[in-house]
Amino acid sequence: MSDVEWHSVALAPIVLVHGTETLIADRAVQRLRGLAREADPSVAVHELSGDALGPGTLGQVASPSLFGEPRFVLVPELQAAPDSLVGELLDYLKTPEQDVTLVLVHRGGNRGKKLLDALKKAGVPRVDASPVKRAGDKQTFVAAEFARAQRRIQPEALIALVDAFGTDLAELAAISRQLIEDTTPEPGEQPAQVSVADVHALTAGRVESTAFAVADAAIAGREQEALQLLQQAQLAGADPVPIVAAIASKMRSLAKVTAPGAGPRSLGMPDWMLRNLSREARNWNDRSLARAIEAVARADHEVKGAGRDPQWSVQRMVMGICRARRAR
């Protein structure tokens, strides 16, 4: 069994799509269905699910028809298939029909292991639809989205996008498409790289993205930019508490990378994050870090009820971080 990417999978007598990442599985099926229709618009499409899972159904839809048109047969929930269908599939695997593309989608779990093993032994092409978990893999996913659209995105913008929307791959893909559309130039003009500013413009008001963007600007000493981003969040009605929490998280990470022998495994952070923070840590010392962390602690105390003006507390925290950096 050879693994192929969803965007390069080709028609074959049998194709397995295996994994729990719905976006990738659905894209693979959509591509294969589209390729089948491109190859022959008269293709007969059958989906074996629900009431269509009765005994003998596979043989009925896969058998040559009177008019000889090709068939595209989809089993969208192989992990839930009844034993009768699994048995039919094992028999079918021995002698697949000509002019049939059979797409089997297994969305995880232990059911159907015998069939999965048989498919592997037969060398059936497999689309890996495993969850995309690592931040670096999500960045690779987004970069590929832009590359397929013949667009480029700055590395910093890539990181900001994953920071903001990395918890949901489908949302990350949708936002990437939106960014591509929003930054598409007029006909005849050359498209520019998608920048951090483009990402911030699209995600303004979203607590996760704005808070981390504020933290990045403040840690880098860009006080005016940090305050502008903070103002955007406040005007959008963002709660000060999660903003302070996100900035506190960034400051803690910055402090951790200054420790002797700090590495990705010991710190529990990806390589790219460690590199970025280590580069910024050169502009800080123990004294300036202590001042910045003190500013964050004070803001955290005030926005949780000890202060009268939470918004001002957050602004003062941002200014305190920037000034601590300058005073190192």
Protein backbone atom coordinates (compact mmCIF):
# COMPACT_ATOMS: atom_id res chain seq x y z
CA MET A 1 0.00 0.00 0.00
CA SER A 2 1.48 3.33 -1.04
CA ASP A 3 0.51 6.56 0.71
CA VAL A 4 -0.46 9.50 -1.50
CA GLU A 5 -1.46 13.06 -0.69
CA TRP A 6 -5.11 14.01 -1.09
CA HIS A 7 -4.25 16.61 -3.74
CA SER A 8 -2.30 14.16 -5.92
CA VAL A 9 -4.32 10.95 -5.56
CA ALA A 10 -5.29 9.48 -8.93
CA LEU A 11 -8.07 7.19 -10.07
CA ALA A 12 -7.44 3.52 -9.36
CA PRO A 13 -9.59 0.39 -9.18
CA ILE A 14 -9.66 0.74 -5.38
CA VAL A 15 -8.56 3.72 -3.25
CA LEU A 16 -8.52 3.81 0.56
CA VAL A 17 -8.94 7.09 2.46
CA HIS A 18 -7.95 6.39 6.05
CA GLY A 19 -8.04 8.71 9.08
CA THR A 20 -10.15 10.95 11.28
CA GLU A 21 -9.35 14.32 9.67
CA THR A 22 -12.65 15.05 7.93
CA LEU A 23 -11.32 17.92 5.80
CA ILE A 24 -8.60 15.81 4.19
CA ALA A 25 -10.89 12.80 3.71
CA ASP A 26 -13.61 14.92 2.10
CA ARG A 27 -11.12 16.65 -0.17
CA ALA A 28 -9.73 13.32 -1.35
CA VAL A 29 -13.21 12.02 -2.16
CA GLN A 30 -14.14 15.26 -3.91
CA ARG A 31 -10.98 15.11 -6.03
CA LEU A 32 -11.53 11.48 -7.03
CA ARG A 33 -15.17 12.10 -7.91
CA GLY A 34 -14.13 15.09 -10.01
CA LEU A 35 -11.45 13.08 -11.81
CA ALA A 36 -13.98 10.36 -12.58
CA ARG A 37 -16.37 12.87 -14.12
CA GLU A 38 -13.57 14.51 -16.09
CA ALA A 39 -12.57 11.13 -17.49
CA ASP A 40 -16.15 10.35 -18.52
CA PRO A 41 -19.12 12.67 -17.82
CA SER A 42 -21.47 9.67 -18.08
CA VAL A 43 -19.94 7.98 -15.02
CA ALA A 44 -22.53 6.44 -12.70
CA VAL A 45 -21.98 7.51 -9.08
CA HIS A 46 -23.12 5.23 -6.25
CA GLU A 47 -22.80 5.77 -2.49
CA LEU A 48 -23.12 2.75 -0.23
CA SER A 49 -24.39 4.01 3.10
CA GLY A 50 -27.47 3.65 5.27
CA ASP A 51 -30.17 1.64 3.53
CA ALA A 52 -27.84 0.98 0.57
CA LEU A 53 -25.67 -1.40 2.62
CA GLY A 54 -27.76 -4.51 2.10
CA PRO A 55 -26.25 -7.87 1.10
CA GLY A 56 -25.26 -8.02 -2.56
CA THR A 57 -25.39 -4.25 -3.08
CA LEU A 58 -21.72 -3.96 -4.01
CA GLY A 59 -22.07 -6.59 -6.71
CA GLN A 60 -25.11 -4.84 -8.13
CA VAL A 61 -23.53 -1.40 -8.48
CA ALA A 62 -20.08 -2.62 -9.55
CA SER A 63 -21.26 -5.04 -12.23
CA PRO A 64 -21.05 -3.90 -15.87
CA SER A 65 -24.18 -2.05 -16.95
CA LEU A 66 -26.18 -2.42 -20.13
CA PHE A 67 -24.70 0.79 -21.55
CA GLY A 68 -21.14 0.14 -20.40
CA GLU A 69 -20.63 3.44 -18.55
CA PRO A 70 -17.91 3.61 -15.87
CA ARG A 71 -18.90 3.45 -12.19
CA PHE A 72 -17.71 5.44 -9.20
CA VAL A 73 -18.61 3.64 -5.97
CA LEU A 74 -18.11 5.34 -2.61
CA VAL A 75 -18.27 3.69 0.82
CA PRO A 76 -18.11 6.79 3.08
CA GLU A 77 -18.15 5.00 6.47
CA LEU A 78 -16.15 1.82 6.07
CA GLN A 79 -15.51 1.59 9.81
CA ALA A 80 -19.29 1.17 10.32
CA ALA A 81 -19.87 -1.26 7.45
CA PRO A 82 -21.76 -4.48 8.28
CA ASP A 83 -19.89 -7.76 8.17
CA SER A 84 -21.73 -8.76 4.99
CA LEU A 85 -20.28 -5.78 3.09
CA VAL A 86 -16.80 -6.37 4.52
CA GLY A 87 -17.00 -9.94 3.24
CA GLU A 88 -18.09 -8.74 -0.20
CA LEU A 89 -15.23 -6.24 -0.27
CA LEU A 90 -12.69 -8.94 0.61
CA ASP A 91 -13.97 -11.03 -2.31
CA TYR A 92 -14.09 -8.01 -4.62
CA LEU A 93 -10.47 -7.17 -3.79
CA LYS A 94 -9.36 -10.40 -5.47
CA THR A 95 -10.90 -9.49 -8.85
CA PRO A 96 -11.90 -5.79 -9.13
CA GLU A 97 -14.21 -4.88 -11.98
CA GLN A 98 -12.95 -2.92 -14.96
CA ASP A 99 -14.22 0.65 -15.36
CA VAL A 100 -14.94 0.90 -11.62
CA THR A 101 -13.33 3.22 -9.09
CA LEU A 102 -14.13 2.00 -5.58
CA VAL A 103 -13.34 4.57 -2.87
CA LEU A 104 -13.33 3.29 0.71
CA VAL A 105 -13.32 5.88 3.50
CA HIS A 106 -12.33 4.52 6.92
CA ARG A 107 -12.60 7.23 9.57
CA GLY A 108 -10.59 5.51 12.29
CA GLY A 109 -11.08 2.88 14.94
CA ASN A 110 -10.31 -0.82 15.09
CA ARG A 111 -13.25 -2.17 13.11
CA GLY A 112 -12.46 -3.61 9.71
CA LYS A 113 -8.82 -4.39 10.53
CA LYS A 114 -8.88 -7.59 8.47
CA LEU A 115 -10.00 -5.63 5.41
CA LEU A 116 -7.47 -2.86 6.03
CA ASP A 117 -4.69 -5.44 6.25
CA ALA A 118 -5.87 -7.04 3.00
CA LEU A 119 -5.96 -3.66 1.25
CA LYS A 120 -2.42 -2.96 2.44
CA LYS A 121 -1.18 -6.34 1.25
CA ALA A 122 -2.79 -5.74 -2.16
CA GLY A 123 -0.94 -2.44 -2.54
CA VAL A 124 -4.08 -0.32 -2.74
CA PRO A 125 -3.24 3.42 -2.80
CA ARG A 126 -4.00 5.05 0.55
CA VAL A 127 -4.70 8.69 1.37
CA ASP A 128 -3.55 9.40 4.92
CA ALA A 129 -6.24 11.50 6.60
CA SER A 130 -4.67 11.47 10.05
CA PRO A 131 -5.20 14.56 12.24
CA VAL A 132 -2.74 17.39 11.65
CA LYS A 133 -1.58 18.18 15.18
CA ARG A 134 1.90 19.72 15.18
CA ALA A 135 2.16 23.46 14.60
CA GLY A 136 4.89 22.87 12.02
CA ASP A 137 2.66 20.48 10.07
CA LYS A 138 -0.18 23.01 10.15
CA GLN A 139 2.17 25.65 8.76
CA THR A 140 3.17 23.25 5.99
CA PHE A 141 -0.53 22.67 5.28
CA VAL A 142 -1.22 26.41 5.00
CA ALA A 143 1.87 27.02 2.85
CA ALA A 144 0.62 24.30 0.48
CA GLU A 145 -2.82 25.97 0.33
CA PHE A 146 -1.17 29.20 -0.82
CA ALA A 147 1.19 27.42 -3.21
CA ARG A 148 -1.72 25.68 -4.96
CA ALA A 149 -3.30 29.10 -5.42
CA GLN A 150 0.05 30.35 -6.81
CA ARG A 151 0.43 32.74 -3.92
CA ARG A 152 3.10 33.29 -1.28
CA ILE A 153 2.79 34.07 2.41
CA GLN A 154 5.45 35.51 4.71
CA PRO A 155 6.76 33.07 7.37
CA GLU A 156 5.68 35.45 10.14
CA ALA A 157 2.18 35.65 8.65
CA LEU A 158 2.09 31.86 8.45
CA ILE A 159 2.89 31.60 12.16
CA ALA A 160 0.28 34.25 13.06
CA LEU A 161 -2.37 32.44 11.03
CA VAL A 162 -1.71 29.09 12.71
CA ASP A 163 -1.59 30.76 16.13
CA ALA A 164 -5.05 32.19 15.51
CA PHE A 165 -6.85 29.33 13.79
CA GLY A 166 -4.71 26.24 14.35
CA THR A 167 -7.20 24.38 16.54
CA ASP A 168 -9.49 23.56 13.59
CA LEU A 169 -8.00 22.51 10.24
CA ALA A 170 -11.22 23.23 8.34
CA GLU A 171 -11.36 26.74 9.75
CA LEU A 172 -7.66 27.22 8.99
CA ALA A 173 -8.29 26.21 5.37
CA ALA A 174 -11.31 28.52 5.09
CA ILE A 175 -9.39 31.49 6.50
CA SER A 176 -6.51 30.76 4.12
CA ARG A 177 -8.94 30.88 1.18
CA GLN A 178 -10.39 34.12 2.51
CA LEU A 179 -6.93 35.66 2.78
CA ILE A 180 -6.10 34.60 -0.77
CA GLU A 181 -9.33 36.15 -2.06
CA ASP A 182 -8.96 39.36 -0.04
CA THR A 183 -5.39 39.95 -1.24
CA THR A 184 -5.89 39.02 -4.90
CA PRO A 185 -4.77 42.03 -7.00
CA GLU A 186 -6.50 43.58 -9.97
CA PRO A 187 -5.94 41.88 -13.36
CA GLY A 188 -2.49 42.67 -14.70
CA GLU A 189 -0.97 43.37 -11.27
CA GLN A 190 1.56 41.12 -9.57
CA PRO A 191 0.28 39.59 -6.31
CA ALA A 192 2.32 40.51 -3.25
CA GLN A 193 3.24 38.16 -0.44
CA VAL A 194 0.52 37.88 2.17
CA SER A 195 1.85 39.75 5.20
CA VAL A 196 1.34 39.79 8.95
CA ALA A 197 -0.67 42.98 8.47
CA ASP A 198 -3.03 41.11 6.11
CA VAL A 199 -3.52 38.40 8.73
CA HIS A 200 -4.12 40.96 11.49
CA ALA A 201 -6.64 42.82 9.34
CA LEU A 202 -8.64 39.63 8.83
CA THR A 203 -8.39 38.36 12.40
CA ALA A 204 -8.81 41.65 14.28
CA GLY A 205 -11.08 41.11 17.25
CA ARG A 206 -10.31 37.45 17.60
CA VAL A 207 -8.88 37.13 21.10
CA GLU A 208 -6.32 34.41 20.36
CA SER A 209 -4.76 36.03 17.30
CA THR A 210 -4.90 39.60 18.57
CA ALA A 211 -3.49 38.78 21.99
CA PHE A 212 -0.53 36.87 20.57
CA ALA A 213 0.03 39.61 17.99
CA VAL A 214 0.04 42.20 20.79
CA ALA A 215 2.48 40.04 22.74
CA ASP A 216 4.80 39.61 19.75
CA ALA A 217 4.85 43.35 19.08
CA ALA A 218 5.39 44.22 22.75
CA ILE A 219 8.17 41.67 23.24
CA ALA A 220 9.87 43.07 20.13
CA GLY A 221 9.57 46.59 21.57
CA ARG A 222 7.16 47.86 18.91
CA GLU A 223 5.05 49.85 21.34
CA GLN A 224 2.93 51.79 18.84
CA GLU A 225 2.02 48.65 16.88
CA ALA A 226 1.22 46.73 20.07
CA LEU A 227 -1.07 49.49 21.34
CA GLN A 228 -2.85 49.75 17.98
CA LEU A 229 -3.50 46.01 17.93
CA LEU A 230 -4.70 46.16 21.51
CA GLN A 231 -7.06 49.01 20.66
CA GLN A 232 -8.52 46.94 17.80
CA ALA A 233 -9.23 44.11 20.22
CA GLN A 234 -10.77 46.42 22.82
CA LEU A 235 -12.98 48.15 20.25
CA ALA A 236 -14.17 44.72 19.13
CA GLY A 237 -15.21 43.98 22.71
CA ALA A 238 -12.48 41.49 23.60
CA ASP A 239 -12.38 40.48 27.27
CA PRO A 240 -9.19 41.78 28.98
CA VAL A 241 -8.70 38.57 31.00
CA PRO A 242 -7.86 36.20 28.10
CA ILE A 243 -5.76 38.93 26.47
CA VAL A 244 -3.60 39.18 29.59
CA ALA A 245 -3.50 35.38 29.85
CA ALA A 246 -2.21 35.04 26.28
CA ILE A 247 0.45 37.70 26.81
CA ALA A 248 1.47 36.08 30.10
CA SER A 249 1.90 32.78 28.25
CA LYS A 250 4.22 34.42 25.72
CA MET A 251 6.26 36.08 28.46
CA ARG A 252 6.63 32.78 30.32
CA SER A 253 7.82 31.11 27.13
CA LEU A 254 10.35 33.90 26.58
CA ALA A 255 11.65 33.46 30.11
CA LYS A 256 11.94 29.68 29.67
CA VAL A 257 14.17 29.86 26.60
CA THR A 258 16.75 31.91 28.51
CA ALA A 259 17.37 28.99 30.88
CA PRO A 260 20.63 27.05 30.32
CA GLY A 261 20.18 23.91 28.22
CA ALA A 262 16.69 24.85 27.06
CA GLY A 263 15.54 22.66 24.17
CA PRO A 264 12.30 21.87 22.32
CA ARG A 265 11.74 18.61 24.19
CA SER A 266 12.43 19.96 27.68
CA LEU A 267 10.30 23.06 27.05
CA GLY A 268 7.49 21.26 25.24
CA MET A 269 7.47 23.65 22.29
CA PRO A 270 8.08 23.17 18.55
CA ASP A 271 11.48 23.97 17.01
CA TRP A 272 10.24 27.02 15.12
CA MET A 273 8.84 28.61 18.28
CA LEU A 274 12.06 27.98 20.19
CA ARG A 275 14.11 29.56 17.38
CA ASN A 276 11.91 32.66 17.24
CA LEU A 277 11.87 33.14 21.01
CA SER A 278 15.61 32.49 21.33
CA ARG A 279 16.29 35.15 18.72
CA GLU A 280 14.14 37.67 20.62
CA ALA A 281 15.59 36.65 23.99
CA ARG A 282 18.93 38.17 22.96
CA ASN A 283 17.30 41.57 23.45
CA TRP A 284 16.39 40.82 27.06
CA ASN A 285 18.25 40.21 30.30
CA ASP A 286 17.17 38.92 33.71
CA ARG A 287 16.35 42.40 34.99
CA SER A 288 14.23 43.47 32.01
CA LEU A 289 12.39 40.14 31.99
CA ALA A 290 11.61 40.51 35.69
CA ARG A 291 10.17 43.98 35.09
CA ALA A 292 8.02 42.78 32.19
CA ILE A 293 6.71 39.78 34.12
CA GLU A 294 5.92 42.07 37.05
CA ALA A 295 3.88 44.30 34.70
CA VAL A 296 1.95 41.26 33.47
CA ALA A 297 1.31 40.01 37.02
CA ARG A 298 -0.02 43.42 38.04
CA ALA A 299 -2.36 43.57 35.04
CA ASP A 300 -3.57 40.03 35.70
CA HIS A 301 -4.43 40.99 39.29
CA GLU A 302 -6.25 44.16 38.21
CA VAL A 303 -8.31 42.72 35.34
CA LYS A 304 -9.59 39.99 37.67
CA GLY A 305 -11.24 42.51 39.95
CA ALA A 306 -8.57 44.43 41.82
CA GLY A 307 -8.51 47.38 39.40
CA ARG A 308 -11.11 49.95 38.40
CA ASP A 309 -10.28 50.16 34.68
CA PRO A 310 -9.32 46.79 33.12
CA GLN A 311 -8.68 48.29 29.69
CA TRP A 312 -6.22 50.81 31.08
CA SER A 313 -4.55 48.03 33.07
CA VAL A 314 -3.89 46.09 29.87
CA GLN A 315 -2.58 49.18 28.07
CA ARG A 316 -0.24 49.94 30.96
CA MET A 317 0.99 46.34 30.88
CA VAL A 318 1.85 46.62 27.17
CA MET A 319 3.72 49.87 27.70
CA GLY A 320 5.50 48.32 30.68
CA ILE A 321 6.71 45.37 28.59
CA CYS A 322 7.99 47.63 25.81
CA ARG A 323 9.76 49.95 28.23
CA ALA A 324 11.32 47.05 30.13
CA ARG A 325 12.84 45.84 26.88
CA ARG A 326 14.25 49.27 26.05
CA ALA A 327 15.71 49.66 29.55
CA ARG A 328 17.69 46.40 29.57
